[in-house]
Every structure is written in structure tokens, then in C-alpha cells.
Amino acid sequence: MVFIKRFRYVTLMLCSLALLSACGKSSHYGYRSYDPCISCGDTITFYPNEEGGAQRYPRDWVDWEWGDGNPNLCQEYPNLDRCQKMDP
């Protein structure tokens, strides 16, 4: 009886260890062909962000200015008070 309990315990531990050990080949070791060779004199190139790029993007690409609000607001929610036509 003790042998069966011990065998179940050891089997359960081995299965848990195998399932939770993360011993799969999920990551690689060493350099790849596209990595810079630092010992050969290659360096990693850093490109700085352009000045004001995040503020300029909506104007240049989407034709939207800051403070205009959502351009699709009245199409998506036509019953809003600010989307109703005001009759003089």
C-alpha cells in the first residue's frame, strides 16, 4: 500500500516537472545571421524620434487637427446634442 502511494506521488511529481519545466525550444542561444557582430566592429544603430512627429501625424496623414474632436462622432452617434442641427 505504501509502495502504491509513493509510486503515485513520484509519478505525479515527474509529470508536473515535465509539464511545467519550460524545457521546450522556445528561445534560441547564440547569435543569428541578422545580429550585429560586435566583436567585428559592427554596432547597433539607434534612430531618434523626429521632433513633434506624434503631434504632426494627424494633420499630415489623417487631415485632423488637435481640438477638432472625433471626426466620426456625429456619424456614429447622431442623437447627441452637439450633433443635432439647430434651426434658427
PDB file of N, CA and C in Angstrom:
ATOM      1  N   MET A   1       0.823  -1.190   0.000  1.00  0.00           N
ATOM      2  CA  MET A   1       0.000   0.000   0.000  1.00  0.00           C
ATOM      3  C   MET A   1       0.871   1.261   0.000  1.00  0.00           C
ATOM      4  N   VAL A   2       1.915   1.234   0.780  1.00  0.00           N
ATOM      5  CA  VAL A   2       2.817   2.377   0.848  1.00  0.00           C
ATOM      6  C   VAL A   2       3.525   2.554  -0.484  1.00  0.00           C
ATOM      7  N   PHE A   3       3.856   1.442  -1.123  1.00  0.00           N
ATOM      8  CA  PHE A   3       4.527   1.497  -2.418  1.00  0.00           C
ATOM      9  C   PHE A   3       3.648   2.172  -3.469  1.00  0.00           C
ATOM     10  N   ILE A   4       2.370   1.888  -3.476  1.00  0.00           N
ATOM     11  CA  ILE A   4       1.442   2.465  -4.456  1.00  0.00           C
ATOM     12  C   ILE A   4       1.311   3.976  -4.242  1.00  0.00           C
ATOM     13  N   LYS A   5       1.197   4.401  -2.973  1.00  0.00           N
ATOM     14  CA  LYS A   5       1.109   5.832  -2.684  1.00  0.00           C
ATOM     15  C   LYS A   5       2.399   6.544  -3.105  1.00  0.00           C
ATOM     16  N   ARG A   6       3.512   5.936  -2.796  1.00  0.00           N
ATOM     17  CA  ARG A   6       4.805   6.526  -3.147  1.00  0.00           C
ATOM     18  C   ARG A   6       4.969   6.588  -4.668  1.00  0.00           C
ATOM     19  N   PHE A   7       4.543   5.516  -5.365  1.00  0.00           N
ATOM     20  CA  PHE A   7       4.638   5.471  -6.820  1.00  0.00           C
ATOM     21  C   PHE A   7       3.761   6.557  -7.454  1.00  0.00           C
ATOM     22  N   ARG A   8       2.539   6.735  -6.949  1.00  0.00           N
ATOM     23  CA  ARG A   8       1.641   7.781  -7.454  1.00  0.00           C
ATOM     24  C   ARG A   8       2.254   9.169  -7.230  1.00  0.00           C
ATOM     25  N   TYR A   9       2.826   9.379  -6.054  1.00  0.00           N
ATOM     26  CA  TYR A   9       3.435  10.662  -5.725  1.00  0.00           C
ATOM     27  C   TYR A   9       4.609  10.963  -6.659  1.00  0.00           C
ATOM     28  N   VAL A  10       5.463   9.985  -6.857  1.00  0.00           N
ATOM     29  CA  VAL A  10       6.633  10.175  -7.730  1.00  0.00           C
ATOM     30  C   VAL A  10       6.181  10.386  -9.171  1.00  0.00           C
ATOM     31  N   THR A  11       5.200   9.652  -9.630  1.00  0.00           N
ATOM     32  CA  THR A  11       4.688   9.807 -10.993  1.00  0.00           C
ATOM     33  C   THR A  11       4.070  11.187 -11.183  1.00  0.00           C
ATOM     34  N   LEU A  12       3.292  11.622 -10.204  1.00  0.00           N
ATOM     35  CA  LEU A  12       2.684  12.946 -10.275  1.00  0.00           C
ATOM     36  C   LEU A  12       3.744  14.041 -10.302  1.00  0.00           C
ATOM     37  N   MET A  13       4.767  13.895  -9.484  1.00  0.00           N
ATOM     38  CA  MET A  13       5.841  14.894  -9.465  1.00  0.00           C
ATOM     39  C   MET A  13       6.616  14.919 -10.781  1.00  0.00           C
ATOM     40  N   LEU A  14       6.891  13.792 -11.340  1.00  0.00           N
ATOM     41  CA  LEU A  14       7.614  13.748 -12.612  1.00  0.00           C
ATOM     42  C   LEU A  14       6.786  14.340 -13.751  1.00  0.00           C
ATOM     43  N   CYS A  15       5.496  14.049 -13.756  1.00  0.00           N
ATOM     44  CA  CYS A  15       4.626  14.623 -14.791  1.00  0.00           C
ATOM     45  C   CYS A  15       4.524  16.140 -14.625  1.00  0.00           C
ATOM     46  N   SER A  16       4.382  16.599 -13.387  1.00  0.00           N
ATOM     47  CA  SER A  16       4.317  18.040 -13.126  1.00  0.00           C
ATOM     48  C   SER A  16       5.610  18.717 -13.543  1.00  0.00           C
ATOM     49  N   LEU A  17       6.715  18.107 -13.213  1.00  0.00           N
ATOM     50  CA  LEU A  17       8.010  18.667 -13.571  1.00  0.00           C
ATOM     51  C   LEU A  17       8.179  18.747 -15.083  1.00  0.00           C
ATOM     52  N   ALA A  18       7.753  17.721 -15.782  1.00  0.00           N
ATOM     53  CA  ALA A  18       7.887  17.711 -17.240  1.00  0.00           C
ATOM     54  C   ALA A  18       6.965  18.741 -17.888  1.00  0.00           C
ATOM     55  N   LEU A  19       5.765  18.920 -17.355  1.00  0.00           N
ATOM     56  CA  LEU A  19       4.818  19.851 -17.957  1.00  0.00           C
ATOM     57  C   LEU A  19       5.139  21.306 -17.629  1.00  0.00           C
ATOM     58  N   LEU A  20       5.658  21.560 -16.447  1.00  0.00           N
ATOM     59  CA  LEU A  20       5.888  22.929 -16.008  1.00  0.00           C
ATOM     60  C   LEU A  20       7.336  23.386 -16.094  1.00  0.00           C
ATOM     61  N   SER A  21       8.201  22.590 -16.643  1.00  0.00           N
ATOM     62  CA  SER A  21       9.619  22.933 -16.631  1.00  0.00           C
ATOM     63  C   SER A  21      10.024  23.926 -17.712  1.00  0.00           C
ATOM     64  N   ALA A  22       9.189  24.128 -18.705  1.00  0.00           N
ATOM     65  CA  ALA A  22       9.502  25.036 -19.810  1.00  0.00           C
ATOM     66  C   ALA A  22      10.821  24.666 -20.476  1.00  0.00           C
ATOM     67  N   CYS A  23      10.992  23.389 -20.730  1.00  0.00           N
ATOM     68  CA  CYS A  23      12.237  22.937 -21.332  1.00  0.00           C
ATOM     69  C   CYS A  23      12.129  22.841 -22.846  1.00  0.00           C
ATOM     70  N   GLY A  24      11.087  23.406 -23.432  1.00  0.00           N
ATOM     71  CA  GLY A  24      10.944  23.380 -24.882  1.00  0.00           C
ATOM     72  C   GLY A  24      11.920  24.325 -25.546  1.00  0.00           C
ATOM     73  N   LYS A  25      11.984  24.274 -26.850  1.00  0.00           N
ATOM     74  CA  LYS A  25      12.901  25.141 -27.598  1.00  0.00           C
ATOM     75  C   LYS A  25      12.184  26.433 -27.966  1.00  0.00           C
ATOM     76  N   SER A  26      11.805  27.204 -26.967  1.00  0.00           N
ATOM     77  CA  SER A  26      11.099  28.449 -27.243  1.00  0.00           C
ATOM     78  C   SER A  26      12.062  29.601 -27.515  1.00  0.00           C
ATOM     79  N   SER A  27      13.260  29.511 -27.038  1.00  0.00           N
ATOM     80  CA  SER A  27      14.224  30.582 -27.285  1.00  0.00           C
ATOM     81  C   SER A  27      15.505  29.988 -27.857  1.00  0.00           C
ATOM     82  N   HIS A  28      16.256  30.821 -28.541  1.00  0.00           N
ATOM     83  CA  HIS A  28      17.494  30.364 -29.144  1.00  0.00           C
ATOM     84  C   HIS A  28      18.675  30.878 -28.328  1.00  0.00           C
ATOM     85  N   TYR A  29      19.782  30.252 -28.511  1.00  0.00           N
ATOM     86  CA  TYR A  29      21.011  30.655 -27.839  1.00  0.00           C
ATOM     87  C   TYR A  29      22.038  31.020 -28.892  1.00  0.00           C
ATOM     88  N   GLY A  30      22.815  32.031 -28.595  1.00  0.00           N
ATOM     89  CA  GLY A  30      23.868  32.422 -29.515  1.00  0.00           C
ATOM     90  C   GLY A  30      23.391  33.454 -30.516  1.00  0.00           C
ATOM     91  N   TYR A  31      24.253  33.795 -31.439  1.00  0.00           N
ATOM     92  CA  TYR A  31      23.964  34.817 -32.431  1.00  0.00           C
ATOM     93  C   TYR A  31      23.232  34.236 -33.627  1.00  0.00           C
ATOM     94  N   ARG A  32      22.453  35.080 -34.255  1.00  0.00           N
ATOM     95  CA  ARG A  32      21.784  34.739 -35.513  1.00  0.00           C
ATOM     96  C   ARG A  32      22.464  35.513 -36.638  1.00  0.00           C
ATOM     97  N   SER A  33      22.127  35.210 -37.868  1.00  0.00           N
ATOM     98  CA  SER A  33      22.781  35.851 -39.004  1.00  0.00           C
ATOM     99  C   SER A  33      22.464  37.341 -39.075  1.00  0.00           C
ATOM    100  N   TYR A  34      21.335  37.775 -38.551  1.00  0.00           N
ATOM    101  CA  TYR A  34      20.957  39.187 -38.636  1.00  0.00           C
ATOM    102  C   TYR A  34      21.433  39.999 -37.433  1.00  0.00           C
ATOM    103  N   ASP A  35      22.037  39.377 -36.433  1.00  0.00           N
ATOM    104  CA  ASP A  35      22.559  40.107 -35.282  1.00  0.00           C
ATOM    105  C   ASP A  35      23.850  40.828 -35.655  1.00  0.00           C
ATOM    106  N   PRO A  36      24.074  42.029 -35.109  1.00  0.00           N
ATOM    107  CA  PRO A  36      25.339  42.714 -35.402  1.00  0.00           C
ATOM    108  C   PRO A  36      26.507  42.014 -34.716  1.00  0.00           C
ATOM    109  N   CYS A  37      27.613  41.932 -35.403  1.00  0.00           N
ATOM    110  CA  CYS A  37      28.804  41.305 -34.857  1.00  0.00           C
ATOM    111  C   CYS A  37      29.597  42.373 -34.111  1.00  0.00           C
ATOM    112  N   ILE A  38      29.429  42.446 -32.814  1.00  0.00           N
ATOM    113  CA  ILE A  38      30.054  43.491 -32.019  1.00  0.00           C
ATOM    114  C   ILE A  38      31.571  43.308 -31.979  1.00  0.00           C
ATOM    115  N   SER A  39      32.027  42.069 -31.914  1.00  0.00           N
ATOM    116  CA  SER A  39      33.471  41.838 -31.885  1.00  0.00           C
ATOM    117  C   SER A  39      34.128  42.166 -33.224  1.00  0.00           C
ATOM    118  N   CYS A  40      33.337  42.192 -34.321  1.00  0.00           N
ATOM    119  CA  CYS A  40      33.871  42.541 -35.643  1.00  0.00           C
ATOM    120  C   CYS A  40      33.856  44.036 -35.893  1.00  0.00           C
ATOM    121  N   GLY A  41      33.275  44.802 -34.981  1.00  0.00           N
ATOM    122  CA  GLY A  41      33.223  46.245 -35.156  1.00  0.00           C
ATOM    123  C   GLY A  41      31.852  46.764 -35.535  1.00  0.00           C
ATOM    124  N   ASP A  42      30.892  45.876 -35.763  1.00  0.00           N
ATOM    125  CA  ASP A  42      29.533  46.336 -36.056  1.00  0.00           C
ATOM    126  C   ASP A  42      28.924  46.936 -34.795  1.00  0.00           C
ATOM    127  N   THR A  43      28.054  47.886 -34.982  1.00  0.00           N
ATOM    128  CA  THR A  43      27.373  48.495 -33.848  1.00  0.00           C
ATOM    129  C   THR A  43      25.874  48.466 -34.079  1.00  0.00           C
ATOM    130  N   ILE A  44      25.140  48.650 -33.016  1.00  0.00           N
ATOM    131  CA  ILE A  44      23.690  48.741 -33.104  1.00  0.00           C
ATOM    132  C   ILE A  44      23.348  50.181 -33.447  1.00  0.00           C
ATOM    133  N   THR A  45      22.527  50.377 -34.466  1.00  0.00           N
ATOM    134  CA  THR A  45      22.174  51.716 -34.906  1.00  0.00           C
ATOM    135  C   THR A  45      20.875  52.144 -34.229  1.00  0.00           C
ATOM    136  N   PHE A  46      20.901  53.289 -33.586  1.00  0.00           N
ATOM    137  CA  PHE A  46      19.717  53.841 -32.944  1.00  0.00           C
ATOM    138  C   PHE A  46      19.247  55.037 -33.755  1.00  0.00           C
ATOM    139  N   TYR A  47      17.966  55.069 -34.075  1.00  0.00           N
ATOM    140  CA  TYR A  47      17.377  56.181 -34.802  1.00  0.00           C
ATOM    141  C   TYR A  47      16.500  56.978 -33.850  1.00  0.00           C
ATOM    142  N   PRO A  48      16.788  58.255 -33.651  1.00  0.00           N
ATOM    143  CA  PRO A  48      15.968  59.044 -32.730  1.00  0.00           C
ATOM    144  C   PRO A  48      14.602  59.347 -33.338  1.00  0.00           C
ATOM    145  N   ASN A  49      13.634  59.600 -32.476  1.00  0.00           N
ATOM    146  CA  ASN A  49      12.316  60.009 -32.947  1.00  0.00           C
ATOM    147  C   ASN A  49      12.397  61.413 -33.506  1.00  0.00           C
ATOM    148  N   GLU A  50      11.575  61.705 -34.487  1.00  0.00           N
ATOM    149  CA  GLU A  50      11.581  63.046 -35.052  1.00  0.00           C
ATOM    150  C   GLU A  50      10.854  64.007 -34.109  1.00  0.00           C
ATOM    151  N   GLU A  51      11.281  65.246 -34.109  1.00  0.00           N
ATOM    152  CA  GLU A  51      10.693  66.250 -33.235  1.00  0.00           C
ATOM    153  C   GLU A  51       9.256  66.532 -33.638  1.00  0.00           C
ATOM    154  N   GLY A  52       8.334  66.400 -32.695  1.00  0.00           N
ATOM    155  CA  GLY A  52       6.930  66.722 -32.952  1.00  0.00           C
ATOM    156  C   GLY A  52       6.222  65.767 -33.875  1.00  0.00           C
ATOM    157  N   GLY A  53       6.754  64.565 -34.072  1.00  0.00           N
ATOM    158  CA  GLY A  53       6.151  63.620 -35.002  1.00  0.00           C
ATOM    159  C   GLY A  53       4.774  63.147 -34.582  1.00  0.00           C
ATOM    160  N   ALA A  54       4.578  62.932 -33.286  1.00  0.00           N
ATOM    161  CA  ALA A  54       3.283  62.452 -32.806  1.00  0.00           C
ATOM    162  C   ALA A  54       2.215  63.533 -32.945  1.00  0.00           C
ATOM    163  N   GLN A  55       2.595  64.788 -32.806  1.00  0.00           N
ATOM    164  CA  GLN A  55       1.625  65.868 -32.946  1.00  0.00           C
ATOM    165  C   GLN A  55       1.347  66.183 -34.423  1.00  0.00           C
ATOM    166  N   ARG A  56       2.327  65.949 -35.278  1.00  0.00           N
ATOM    167  CA  ARG A  56       2.178  66.286 -36.692  1.00  0.00           C
ATOM    168  C   ARG A  56       1.477  65.181 -37.488  1.00  0.00           C
ATOM    169  N   TYR A  57       1.520  63.947 -37.022  1.00  0.00           N
ATOM    170  CA  TYR A  57       0.946  62.822 -37.767  1.00  0.00           C
ATOM    171  C   TYR A  57      -0.527  63.018 -38.114  1.00  0.00           C
ATOM    172  N   PRO A  58      -1.408  63.398 -37.166  1.00  0.00           N
ATOM    173  CA  PRO A  58      -2.823  63.521 -37.536  1.00  0.00           C
ATOM    174  C   PRO A  58      -3.072  64.566 -38.621  1.00  0.00           C
ATOM    175  N   ARG A  59      -2.343  65.653 -38.594  1.00  0.00           N
ATOM    176  CA  ARG A  59      -2.534  66.709 -39.584  1.00  0.00           C
ATOM    177  C   ARG A  59      -2.034  66.259 -40.960  1.00  0.00           C
ATOM    178  N   ASP A  60      -0.888  65.602 -41.002  1.00  0.00           N
ATOM    179  CA  ASP A  60      -0.297  65.227 -42.287  1.00  0.00           C
ATOM    180  C   ASP A  60      -0.970  64.031 -42.944  1.00  0.00           C
ATOM    181  N   TRP A  61      -1.422  63.074 -42.160  1.00  0.00           N
ATOM    182  CA  TRP A  61      -1.904  61.826 -42.732  1.00  0.00           C
ATOM    183  C   TRP A  61      -3.405  61.635 -42.656  1.00  0.00           C
ATOM    184  N   VAL A  62      -4.052  62.214 -41.657  1.00  0.00           N
ATOM    185  CA  VAL A  62      -5.483  61.960 -41.460  1.00  0.00           C
ATOM    186  C   VAL A  62      -6.306  63.224 -41.697  1.00  0.00           C
ATOM    187  N   ASP A  63      -5.639  64.358 -41.915  1.00  0.00           N
ATOM    188  CA  ASP A  63      -6.292  65.648 -42.108  1.00  0.00           C
ATOM    189  C   ASP A  63      -7.178  65.987 -40.911  1.00  0.00           C
ATOM    190  N   TRP A  64      -6.571  65.938 -39.745  1.00  0.00           N
ATOM    191  CA  TRP A  64      -7.281  66.190 -38.491  1.00  0.00           C
ATOM    192  C   TRP A  64      -6.415  67.062 -37.607  1.00  0.00           C
ATOM    193  N   GLU A  65      -6.985  68.078 -37.007  1.00  0.00           N
ATOM    194  CA  GLU A  65      -6.263  68.975 -36.114  1.00  0.00           C
ATOM    195  C   GLU A  65      -6.618  68.667 -34.678  1.00  0.00           C
ATOM    196  N   TRP A  66      -5.679  68.916 -33.778  1.00  0.00           N
ATOM    197  CA  TRP A  66      -5.945  68.716 -32.363  1.00  0.00           C
ATOM    198  C   TRP A  66      -7.033  69.684 -31.917  1.00  0.00           C
ATOM    199  N   GLY A  67      -8.001  69.195 -31.158  1.00  0.00           N
ATOM    200  CA  GLY A  67      -9.099  70.017 -30.677  1.00  0.00           C
ATOM    201  C   GLY A  67     -10.332  69.933 -31.552  1.00  0.00           C
ATOM    202  N   ASP A  68     -10.245  69.265 -32.708  1.00  0.00           N
ATOM    203  CA  ASP A  68     -11.415  69.131 -33.576  1.00  0.00           C
ATOM    204  C   ASP A  68     -12.407  68.103 -33.055  1.00  0.00           C
ATOM    205  N   GLY A  69     -11.986  67.249 -32.143  1.00  0.00           N
ATOM    206  CA  GLY A  69     -12.866  66.183 -31.657  1.00  0.00           C
ATOM    207  C   GLY A  69     -12.823  64.990 -32.590  1.00  0.00           C
ATOM    208  N   ASN A  70     -13.690  64.057 -32.344  1.00  0.00           N
ATOM    209  CA  ASN A  70     -13.763  62.854 -33.158  1.00  0.00           C
ATOM    210  C   ASN A  70     -14.443  63.188 -34.475  1.00  0.00           C
ATOM    211  N   PRO A  71     -13.775  63.000 -35.618  1.00  0.00           N
ATOM    212  CA  PRO A  71     -14.395  63.364 -36.895  1.00  0.00           C
ATOM    213  C   PRO A  71     -15.587  62.479 -37.245  1.00  0.00           C
ATOM    214  N   ASN A  72     -15.685  61.296 -36.672  1.00  0.00           N
ATOM    215  CA  ASN A  72     -16.791  60.384 -36.965  1.00  0.00           C
ATOM    216  C   ASN A  72     -17.844  60.386 -35.871  1.00  0.00           C
ATOM    217  N   LEU A  73     -17.773  61.337 -34.954  1.00  0.00           N
ATOM    218  CA  LEU A  73     -18.662  61.312 -33.797  1.00  0.00           C
ATOM    219  C   LEU A  73     -20.126  61.406 -34.198  1.00  0.00           C
ATOM    220  N   CYS A  74     -20.463  62.342 -35.066  1.00  0.00           N
ATOM    221  CA  CYS A  74     -21.867  62.527 -35.439  1.00  0.00           C
ATOM    222  C   CYS A  74     -22.367  61.425 -36.365  1.00  0.00           C
ATOM    223  N   GLN A  75     -21.467  60.754 -37.062  1.00  0.00           N
ATOM    224  CA  GLN A  75     -21.892  59.622 -37.880  1.00  0.00           C
ATOM    225  C   GLN A  75     -22.165  58.407 -37.001  1.00  0.00           C
ATOM    226  N   GLU A  76     -21.351  58.228 -35.970  1.00  0.00           N
ATOM    227  CA  GLU A  76     -21.518  57.079 -35.086  1.00  0.00           C
ATOM    228  C   GLU A  76     -22.646  57.282 -34.081  1.00  0.00           C
ATOM    229  N   TYR A  77     -22.817  58.528 -33.590  1.00  0.00           N
ATOM    230  CA  TYR A  77     -23.820  58.824 -32.570  1.00  0.00           C
ATOM    231  C   TYR A  77     -24.639  60.040 -33.010  1.00  0.00           C
ATOM    232  N   PRO A  78     -25.579  59.876 -33.938  1.00  0.00           N
ATOM    233  CA  PRO A  78     -26.305  61.037 -34.469  1.00  0.00           C
ATOM    234  C   PRO A  78     -27.265  61.673 -33.471  1.00  0.00           C
ATOM    235  N   ASN A  79     -27.607  61.023 -32.379  1.00  0.00           N
ATOM    236  CA  ASN A  79     -28.571  61.569 -31.432  1.00  0.00           C
ATOM    237  C   ASN A  79     -27.936  62.427 -30.344  1.00  0.00           C
ATOM    238  N   LEU A  80     -26.649  62.639 -30.398  1.00  0.00           N
ATOM    239  CA  LEU A  80     -26.012  63.501 -29.406  1.00  0.00           C
ATOM    240  C   LEU A  80     -26.480  64.941 -29.578  1.00  0.00           C
ATOM    241  N   ASP A  81     -26.510  65.677 -28.485  1.00  0.00           N
ATOM    242  CA  ASP A  81     -26.953  67.075 -28.536  1.00  0.00           C
ATOM    243  C   ASP A  81     -26.082  67.915 -29.452  1.00  0.00           C
ATOM    244  N   ARG A  82     -24.798  67.715 -29.433  1.00  0.00           N
ATOM    245  CA  ARG A  82     -23.918  68.532 -30.244  1.00  0.00           C
ATOM    246  C   ARG A  82     -23.985  68.160 -31.717  1.00  0.00           C
ATOM    247  N   CYS A  83     -24.611  67.022 -32.061  1.00  0.00           N
ATOM    248  CA  CYS A  83     -24.733  66.613 -33.448  1.00  0.00           C
ATOM    249  C   CYS A  83     -26.076  67.013 -34.055  1.00  0.00           C
ATOM    250  N   GLN A  84     -27.012  67.471 -33.239  1.00  0.00           N
ATOM    251  CA  GLN A  84     -28.326  67.872 -33.731  1.00  0.00           C
ATOM    252  C   GLN A  84     -28.213  69.203 -34.474  1.00  0.00           C
ATOM    253  N   LYS A  85     -28.935  69.322 -35.548  1.00  0.00           N
ATOM    254  CA  LYS A  85     -28.968  70.582 -36.303  1.00  0.00           C
ATOM    255  C   LYS A  85     -29.800  71.590 -35.514  1.00  0.00           C
ATOM    256  N   MET A  86     -29.278  72.781 -35.387  1.00  0.00           N
ATOM    257  CA  MET A  86     -30.020  73.825 -34.673  1.00  0.00           C
ATOM    258  C   MET A  86     -30.745  74.682 -35.709  1.00  0.00           C
ATOM    259  N   ASP A  87     -32.063  74.688 -35.628  1.00  0.00           N
ATOM    260  CA  ASP A  87     -32.868  75.507 -36.541  1.00  0.00           C
ATOM    261  C   ASP A  87     -33.016  76.906 -35.972  1.00  0.00           C
ATOM    262  N   PRO A  88     -32.718  77.943 -36.772  1.00  0.00           N
ATOM    263  CA  PRO A  88     -32.844  79.315 -36.257  1.00  0.00           C
ATOM    264  C   PRO A  88     -34.293  79.760 -36.217  1.00  0.00           C
TER     265      PRO A  88
END
